[in-house]
């Protein structure tokens, strides 16, 4: 039997779109009705973002009722995506840590935006960050378009689901990367220069260690090897040590000449990153940068 889901008709937001997309990962044959009619709400197996009821055991996930549907410990209120994720996130992700990371990275910001909970401070008057919500709004129809809102909602569900699935995968990759980086750090003799065999999430580990000054990893797109400065902390913008001033802005033969390293390709004029065409060349640059 198909599982019947009702969500509200009319304009939609990311919280209801992603709530439905996430439920489709559990119920592939989900039969979706967009309606505010009581009969459609009462007859549904699952109700999302409409109905003024939050009862997860009964499949009711609304937050518009008086008093809402609660807040997280950090103050971010729950919207429909968060309510669905609260019940099914671990099941969907298949891993509690990945589910929690997706909640922090994706679900909470979407819930916050829908609930009018401001998470951003305007630093340039009149300018706001271009967010996922802006991108999806660009895809919704205006009065000039022939496509209906219901058609747009259904057409965007596969995209929303694809984004969610990739976020889950990358959350799992993050924890896998973390273990590899920890192992690499532990096995590295001179911990001032860390060499990774693949591009991976490393800042949360390496920037918490006191010794590393530079890190090397390959660029999987260009084939170059990247020498990058380690920040003082994972969220800092300040490098522990800059690349040598004599390298700033140099490219190709000019950088090879000033460093004496064959295969050196470029060094950013702000001295936070350099590239080479081999791991050995990157290591040679890294050793020079340490001693300079």
Protein backbone atom coordinates (compact mmCIF):
# COMPACT_ATOMS: atom_id res chain seq x y z
CA UNK A 1 0.00 0.00 0.00
CA UNK A 2 1.17 3.51 -0.77
CA UNK A 3 1.84 5.89 2.09
CA UNK A 4 -0.30 8.99 1.78
CA UNK A 5 1.26 12.34 2.64
CA UNK A 6 -0.41 15.72 2.78
CA UNK A 7 1.45 19.01 2.82
CA UNK A 8 0.01 22.46 2.31
CA UNK A 9 -0.95 23.89 -1.06
CA UNK A 10 0.15 27.29 -2.36
CA UNK A 11 3.68 28.65 -2.08
CA UNK A 12 6.26 26.40 -0.44
CA UNK A 13 9.52 26.83 1.41
CA UNK A 14 12.61 24.72 1.82
CA UNK A 15 11.43 23.20 5.09
CA UNK A 16 8.38 21.47 3.59
CA UNK A 17 10.19 20.64 0.33
CA UNK A 18 13.11 18.94 2.10
CA UNK A 19 10.85 17.33 4.68
CA UNK A 20 8.93 15.61 1.90
CA UNK A 21 12.14 14.78 -0.01
CA UNK A 22 13.61 13.15 3.08
CA UNK A 23 10.45 11.11 3.68
CA UNK A 24 10.64 9.85 0.10
CA UNK A 25 13.93 8.17 1.04
CA UNK A 26 11.97 6.04 3.54
CA UNK A 27 8.71 5.73 1.60
CA UNK A 28 9.62 5.53 -2.13
CA UNK A 29 5.97 5.12 -3.14
CA UNK A 30 4.87 8.22 -1.25
CA UNK A 31 1.58 9.58 -2.58
CA UNK A 32 1.75 13.37 -2.18
CA UNK A 33 -1.23 15.67 -1.91
CA UNK A 34 -0.82 19.43 -1.60
CA UNK A 35 -3.91 20.69 0.18
CA UNK A 36 -5.20 22.57 3.22
CA UNK A 37 -8.54 20.74 3.23
CA UNK A 38 -9.34 19.01 6.52
CA UNK A 39 -10.44 15.83 4.75
CA UNK A 40 -7.06 15.50 3.00
CA UNK A 41 -5.21 16.17 6.25
CA UNK A 42 -7.29 13.73 8.30
CA UNK A 43 -7.01 10.91 5.75
CA UNK A 44 -3.23 11.18 5.32
CA UNK A 45 -0.74 8.79 6.91
CA UNK A 46 1.77 11.63 7.22
CA UNK A 47 1.09 15.38 7.42
CA UNK A 48 3.89 17.89 6.90
CA UNK A 49 3.84 21.65 7.55
CA UNK A 50 0.09 21.91 7.85
CA UNK A 51 -2.65 20.83 10.28
CA UNK A 52 -1.47 22.62 13.45
CA UNK A 53 -0.41 19.37 15.11
CA UNK A 54 2.96 17.96 16.09
CA UNK A 55 2.58 14.31 17.02
CA UNK A 56 5.47 12.32 15.53
CA UNK A 57 3.98 8.99 16.61
CA UNK A 58 0.90 9.83 14.56
CA UNK A 59 2.91 11.12 11.60
CA UNK A 60 1.99 14.79 12.21
CA UNK A 61 4.83 17.28 11.65
CA UNK A 62 3.56 20.84 11.82
CA UNK A 63 5.00 23.83 13.68
CA UNK A 64 2.44 26.56 12.95
CA UNK A 65 0.26 25.90 15.97
CA UNK A 66 0.27 28.26 18.93
CA UNK A 67 3.55 27.81 20.78
CA UNK A 68 5.18 26.11 17.81
CA UNK A 69 6.79 22.67 18.04
CA UNK A 70 9.68 23.44 20.33
CA UNK A 71 13.25 24.69 20.10
CA UNK A 72 16.64 23.04 20.07
CA UNK A 73 18.98 23.59 22.99
CA UNK A 74 20.74 26.34 21.01
CA UNK A 75 17.50 28.25 20.53
CA UNK A 76 16.84 27.37 16.88
CA UNK A 77 13.12 26.57 16.54
CA UNK A 78 11.89 23.45 14.80
CA UNK A 79 10.19 23.71 11.43
CA UNK A 80 8.81 20.77 9.47
CA UNK A 81 12.18 19.61 8.07
CA UNK A 82 13.68 19.54 11.54
CA UNK A 83 10.70 17.70 12.99
CA UNK A 84 10.91 15.00 10.33
CA UNK A 85 14.68 14.80 10.71
CA UNK A 86 14.36 14.56 14.49
CA UNK A 87 12.37 11.35 14.09
CA UNK A 88 13.86 9.86 10.93
CA UNK A 89 17.29 11.47 10.50
CA UNK A 90 19.31 8.59 11.94
CA UNK A 91 17.31 6.08 9.91
CA UNK A 92 17.75 8.09 6.70
CA UNK A 93 21.46 8.76 7.21
CA UNK A 94 22.16 5.30 8.59
CA UNK A 95 24.56 6.83 11.09
CA UNK A 96 23.90 8.99 14.16
CA UNK A 97 27.00 11.17 13.74
CA UNK A 98 26.25 11.84 10.08
CA UNK A 99 22.63 12.65 10.91
CA UNK A 100 23.75 15.12 13.57
CA UNK A 101 26.23 16.79 11.20
CA UNK A 102 23.57 17.14 8.48
CA UNK A 103 21.25 18.64 11.09
CA UNK A 104 23.80 21.27 12.05
CA UNK A 105 24.94 22.05 8.51
CA UNK A 106 21.64 21.92 6.63
CA UNK A 107 18.49 21.19 8.62
CA UNK A 108 18.90 23.85 11.31
CA UNK A 109 19.61 26.73 8.89
CA UNK A 110 16.56 25.75 6.82
CA UNK A 111 14.38 25.56 9.94
CA UNK A 112 15.74 28.87 11.19
CA UNK A 113 14.97 30.65 7.91
CA UNK A 114 11.42 29.32 7.87
CA UNK A 115 10.85 30.35 11.48
CA UNK A 116 12.21 33.87 11.08
CA UNK A 117 15.17 33.08 13.32
CA UNK A 118 18.07 35.22 12.12
CA UNK A 119 21.39 33.38 11.84
CA UNK A 120 23.28 35.97 9.80
CA UNK A 121 24.52 39.46 10.47
CA UNK A 122 24.60 41.94 7.60
CA UNK A 123 28.15 43.24 7.23
CA UNK A 124 27.59 45.25 4.04
CA UNK A 125 24.47 47.45 3.99
CA UNK A 126 21.98 46.21 1.44
CA UNK A 127 23.84 42.94 0.79
CA UNK A 128 22.79 39.52 2.05
CA UNK A 129 24.33 36.08 1.49
CA UNK A 130 22.99 34.14 -1.50
CA UNK A 131 21.59 31.03 0.13
CA UNK A 132 20.05 27.74 -0.95
CA UNK A 133 16.66 29.33 -0.38
CA UNK A 134 17.48 32.02 -2.96
CA UNK A 135 18.45 29.40 -5.53
CA UNK A 136 15.21 27.45 -5.08
CA UNK A 137 13.13 30.62 -5.15
CA UNK A 138 14.69 31.41 -8.53
CA UNK A 139 13.24 28.11 -9.77
CA UNK A 140 9.68 28.78 -8.57
CA UNK A 141 7.17 30.16 -11.07
CA UNK A 142 5.94 33.73 -11.35
CA UNK A 143 2.61 34.83 -12.78
CA UNK A 144 4.33 34.95 -16.20
CA UNK A 145 5.18 31.24 -16.17
CA UNK A 146 2.93 28.41 -17.30
CA UNK A 147 4.16 25.89 -14.74
CA UNK A 148 2.00 25.69 -11.60
CA UNK A 149 3.36 25.82 -8.06
CA UNK A 150 2.31 22.20 -7.52
CA UNK A 151 4.20 21.13 -10.64
CA UNK A 152 7.27 23.06 -9.50
CA UNK A 153 7.12 21.46 -6.04
CA UNK A 154 7.04 17.97 -7.55
CA UNK A 155 9.73 18.80 -10.10
CA UNK A 156 12.08 20.13 -7.41
CA UNK A 157 11.72 17.14 -5.11
CA UNK A 158 14.35 15.04 -6.98
CA UNK A 159 16.84 17.93 -6.78
CA UNK A 160 16.17 18.43 -3.08
CA UNK A 161 16.58 14.72 -2.49
CA UNK A 162 19.84 14.64 -4.47
CA UNK A 163 21.26 17.50 -2.38
CA UNK A 164 20.22 15.77 0.85
CA UNK A 165 21.73 12.44 -0.20
CA UNK A 166 25.02 14.15 -1.10
CA UNK A 167 25.10 15.97 2.24
CA UNK A 168 24.62 12.64 4.01
CA UNK A 169 27.41 11.04 2.00
CA UNK A 170 29.76 13.96 2.62
CA UNK A 171 28.97 13.87 6.33
CA UNK A 172 30.06 10.23 6.39
CA UNK A 173 33.15 11.09 4.32
CA UNK A 174 33.99 13.78 6.87
CA UNK A 175 34.28 11.27 9.69
CA UNK A 176 36.21 8.84 7.49
CA UNK A 177 38.59 11.67 6.48
CA UNK A 178 39.04 12.66 10.10
CA UNK A 179 40.31 9.21 11.02
CA UNK A 180 42.71 9.15 8.06
CA UNK A 181 44.06 12.61 8.91
CA UNK A 182 44.55 11.63 12.57
CA UNK A 183 46.46 8.53 11.50
CA UNK A 184 48.60 10.53 9.03
CA UNK A 185 49.43 13.11 11.68
CA UNK A 186 50.37 10.43 14.18
CA UNK A 187 52.65 8.67 11.67
CA UNK A 188 54.35 11.85 10.37
CA UNK A 189 57.85 12.29 11.77
CA UNK A 190 58.18 16.05 11.19
CA UNK A 191 54.73 17.23 12.16
CA UNK A 192 55.40 20.75 10.90
CA UNK A 193 54.59 19.48 7.39
CA UNK A 194 51.66 17.09 6.89
CA UNK A 195 51.25 15.26 3.55
CA UNK A 196 47.88 13.79 2.56
CA UNK A 197 47.50 11.44 -0.40
CA UNK A 198 43.98 12.68 -1.17
CA UNK A 199 42.10 15.98 -0.78
CA UNK A 200 40.02 15.58 2.36
CA UNK A 201 38.59 17.39 5.38
CA UNK A 202 41.63 18.14 7.55
CA UNK A 203 41.22 21.54 9.21
CA UNK A 204 39.22 20.34 12.22
CA UNK A 205 42.07 17.95 13.08
CA UNK A 206 45.30 19.64 11.97
CA UNK A 207 44.45 23.15 13.15
CA UNK A 208 43.92 21.75 16.64
CA UNK A 209 47.44 20.32 16.73
CA UNK A 210 50.20 22.69 17.82
CA UNK A 211 53.04 21.63 15.47
CA UNK A 212 51.73 21.76 11.86
CA UNK A 213 52.68 24.85 9.83
CA UNK A 214 51.91 23.61 6.32
CA UNK A 215 49.87 20.86 4.71
CA UNK A 216 50.14 19.23 1.28
CA UNK A 217 47.41 17.50 -0.70
CA UNK A 218 46.65 16.82 -4.37
CA UNK A 219 44.14 18.72 -6.49
CA UNK A 220 41.94 15.97 -7.91
CA UNK A 221 40.75 18.23 -10.75
CA UNK A 222 44.01 19.72 -12.11
CA UNK A 223 46.51 17.08 -11.00
CA UNK A 224 48.58 19.68 -9.16
CA UNK A 225 49.86 19.31 -5.60
CA UNK A 226 48.92 22.07 -3.19
CA UNK A 227 51.01 23.45 -0.36
CA UNK A 228 48.77 25.40 1.99
CA UNK A 229 49.27 27.24 5.25
CA UNK A 230 47.67 25.87 8.42
CA UNK A 231 45.45 28.33 10.29
CA UNK A 232 45.96 29.06 13.98
CA UNK A 233 42.58 27.51 14.77
CA UNK A 234 39.95 25.69 12.64
CA UNK A 235 37.91 28.90 12.32
CA UNK A 236 40.78 31.37 12.20
CA UNK A 237 41.76 33.38 9.12
CA UNK A 238 45.30 33.86 10.38
CA UNK A 239 48.08 31.56 9.21
CA UNK A 240 50.60 30.14 11.65
CA UNK A 241 53.38 30.87 9.16
CA UNK A 242 53.26 32.61 5.77
CA UNK A 243 54.97 31.33 2.66
CA UNK A 244 58.22 33.23 1.94
CA UNK A 245 57.78 36.80 0.71
CA UNK A 246 60.12 36.13 -2.23
CA UNK A 247 57.58 33.63 -3.62
CA UNK A 248 54.61 36.01 -3.64
CA UNK A 249 52.90 36.14 -7.02
CA UNK A 250 55.59 34.11 -8.80
CA UNK A 251 54.64 31.58 -11.49
CA UNK A 252 56.30 28.88 -13.54
CA UNK A 253 59.97 29.40 -14.38
CA UNK A 254 60.11 32.48 -12.18
CA UNK A 255 58.99 30.49 -9.11
CA UNK A 256 61.32 27.63 -10.03
CA UNK A 257 64.23 30.08 -10.17
CA UNK A 258 63.52 31.76 -6.82
CA UNK A 259 62.93 28.45 -5.01
CA UNK A 260 65.25 26.14 -6.89
CA UNK A 261 62.43 23.57 -7.05
CA UNK A 262 61.67 22.07 -10.46
CA UNK A 263 57.96 21.74 -11.10
CA UNK A 264 56.98 24.65 -8.87
CA UNK A 265 53.97 26.21 -10.60
CA UNK A 266 52.55 29.15 -8.64
CA UNK A 267 52.49 30.97 -5.33
CA UNK A 268 49.62 33.25 -4.38
CA UNK A 269 50.57 36.86 -3.81
CA UNK A 270 48.94 36.67 -0.36
CA UNK A 271 51.37 33.86 0.50
CA UNK A 272 48.88 31.31 1.82
CA UNK A 273 49.04 28.71 -0.96
CA UNK A 274 51.43 27.39 -3.62
CA UNK A 275 51.12 24.69 -6.28
CA UNK A 276 53.50 22.25 -7.95
CA UNK A 277 53.27 19.42 -10.47
CA UNK A 278 54.46 16.66 -8.17
CA UNK A 279 54.24 15.59 -4.55
CA UNK A 280 58.03 15.66 -4.29
CA UNK A 281 58.14 19.28 -5.48
CA UNK A 282 55.44 20.25 -2.99
CA UNK A 283 57.38 18.62 -0.17
CA UNK A 284 60.53 20.45 -1.26
CA UNK A 285 58.65 23.77 -1.19
CA UNK A 286 57.17 22.91 2.19
CA UNK A 287 60.59 22.24 3.69
CA UNK A 288 61.91 25.52 2.30
CA UNK A 289 58.92 27.41 3.71
CA UNK A 290 59.51 25.90 7.16
CA UNK A 291 63.17 26.93 7.24
CA UNK A 292 62.74 30.40 5.67
